[in-house]
Amino acid sequence: MRATIICVVWLLHKMTRDHPDNQEIGFDVGTTKQFYEVATLIDQGHHVFVMLFDEPGSYKVADKVRIKAGHQEEYLESIDENGNATTSLFELPAWTEEA
């Protein structure tokens, strides 16, 4: 029997500025996190955003991520600035492994 495993791992980057007035933002190298670890960060008051490839060497902030109550469990959902659900989480790289 062959099973397909969908890997859902996030690469989170901490955003920093040297000064509040500085428009340039720096990112660390990133840390891999499982979806439940991302949900914990949001529960703790951290802001999580979806970053998508824009052009060579450049990324853009697409949407914010929130925890949404589902029928049986909570899940992560990307939202625009007005709180409307978006598809940007589906645009993130994903892969499957055959077991």
Protein backbone atom coordinates (compact mmCIF):
# COMPACT_ATOMS: atom_id res chain seq x y z
CA MET A 1 0.00 0.00 0.00
CA ARG A 2 1.30 3.42 -0.93
CA ALA A 3 0.48 6.54 1.09
CA THR A 4 0.87 10.17 0.14
CA ILE A 5 2.15 12.42 2.89
CA ILE A 6 1.56 16.14 2.51
CA CYS A 7 4.30 18.08 4.26
CA VAL A 8 3.08 21.28 5.84
CA VAL A 9 6.12 23.06 7.23
CA TRP A 10 6.43 26.81 7.49
CA LEU A 11 9.66 28.76 7.22
CA LEU A 12 9.30 31.69 9.59
CA HIS A 13 11.56 34.75 9.46
CA LYS A 14 11.81 37.25 12.29
CA MET A 15 11.43 40.81 11.03
CA THR A 16 13.61 43.56 12.52
CA ARG A 17 14.28 47.29 12.09
CA ASP A 18 17.24 49.22 13.50
CA HIS A 19 14.96 52.17 14.29
CA PRO A 20 11.14 52.65 14.26
CA ASP A 21 11.46 55.43 11.62
CA ASN A 22 13.59 53.28 9.30
CA GLN A 23 11.60 51.91 6.34
CA GLU A 24 14.09 49.10 5.65
CA ILE A 25 13.23 45.79 7.26
CA GLY A 26 15.67 42.95 7.83
CA PHE A 27 14.90 39.22 8.10
CA ASP A 28 16.77 36.44 9.86
CA VAL A 29 17.61 33.18 8.04
CA GLY A 30 14.35 31.57 9.11
CA THR A 31 13.23 28.68 11.27
CA THR A 32 11.02 25.79 10.20
CA LYS A 33 7.79 25.44 12.18
CA GLN A 34 4.81 23.10 12.08
CA PHE A 35 1.35 24.66 11.62
CA TYR A 36 0.49 24.21 15.31
CA GLU A 37 3.66 26.11 16.30
CA VAL A 38 2.55 28.98 14.05
CA ALA A 39 -0.89 28.91 15.72
CA THR A 40 0.79 29.09 19.13
CA LEU A 41 2.75 32.18 18.07
CA ILE A 42 -0.48 33.85 16.95
CA ASP A 43 -2.19 32.88 20.23
CA GLN A 44 0.73 34.53 22.07
CA GLY A 45 0.08 37.82 20.26
CA HIS A 46 2.68 37.61 17.48
CA HIS A 47 1.78 38.78 13.98
CA VAL A 48 2.32 36.30 11.13
CA PHE A 49 2.23 37.38 7.49
CA VAL A 50 2.41 35.48 4.20
CA MET A 51 5.45 36.52 2.14
CA LEU A 52 5.27 35.69 -1.57
CA PHE A 53 7.88 35.93 -4.33
CA ASP A 54 7.50 39.22 -6.19
CA GLU A 55 10.45 39.48 -8.57
CA PRO A 56 14.07 38.26 -8.56
CA GLY A 57 15.53 39.02 -5.13
CA SER A 58 12.29 40.52 -3.87
CA TYR A 59 9.32 39.35 -1.82
CA LYS A 60 6.08 41.08 -0.86
CA VAL A 61 3.82 40.84 2.16
CA ALA A 62 0.65 39.28 0.81
CA ASP A 63 -1.66 38.84 3.79
CA LYS A 64 -1.88 38.36 7.53
CA VAL A 65 -2.52 34.90 9.03
CA ARG A 66 -5.14 34.25 11.70
CA ILE A 67 -6.59 31.27 13.52
CA LYS A 68 -10.08 30.43 12.30
CA ALA A 69 -12.54 28.22 14.16
CA GLY A 70 -13.61 25.26 12.03
CA HIS A 71 -16.35 22.67 12.35
CA GLN A 72 -14.20 20.28 14.41
CA GLU A 73 -10.82 21.97 14.72
CA GLU A 74 -9.17 25.36 14.32
CA TYR A 75 -7.12 26.09 11.22
CA LEU A 76 -4.89 28.82 9.84
CA GLU A 77 -6.35 31.25 7.32
CA SER A 78 -4.83 34.13 5.38
CA ILE A 79 -6.77 37.41 5.40
CA ASP A 80 -6.48 40.77 3.68
CA GLU A 81 -6.39 44.15 5.46
CA ASN A 82 -10.21 44.13 5.73
CA GLY A 83 -10.34 40.68 7.36
CA ASN A 84 -11.59 38.86 4.24
CA ALA A 85 -10.25 35.34 3.59
CA THR A 86 -7.66 35.07 0.79
CA THR A 87 -5.88 32.28 -1.08
CA SER A 88 -2.29 33.40 -0.40
CA LEU A 89 -1.58 30.43 1.91
CA PHE A 90 -2.29 28.15 -1.05
CA GLU A 91 0.34 30.02 -3.08
CA LEU A 92 3.13 29.01 -0.68
CA PRO A 93 5.45 26.19 -1.84
CA ALA A 94 4.25 22.70 -0.87
CA TRP A 95 5.35 19.17 -1.67
CA THR A 96 4.24 15.59 -1.21
CA GLU A 97 6.20 12.45 -0.42
CA GLU A 98 5.31 8.94 -1.45
CA ALA A 99 5.67 6.45 1.41
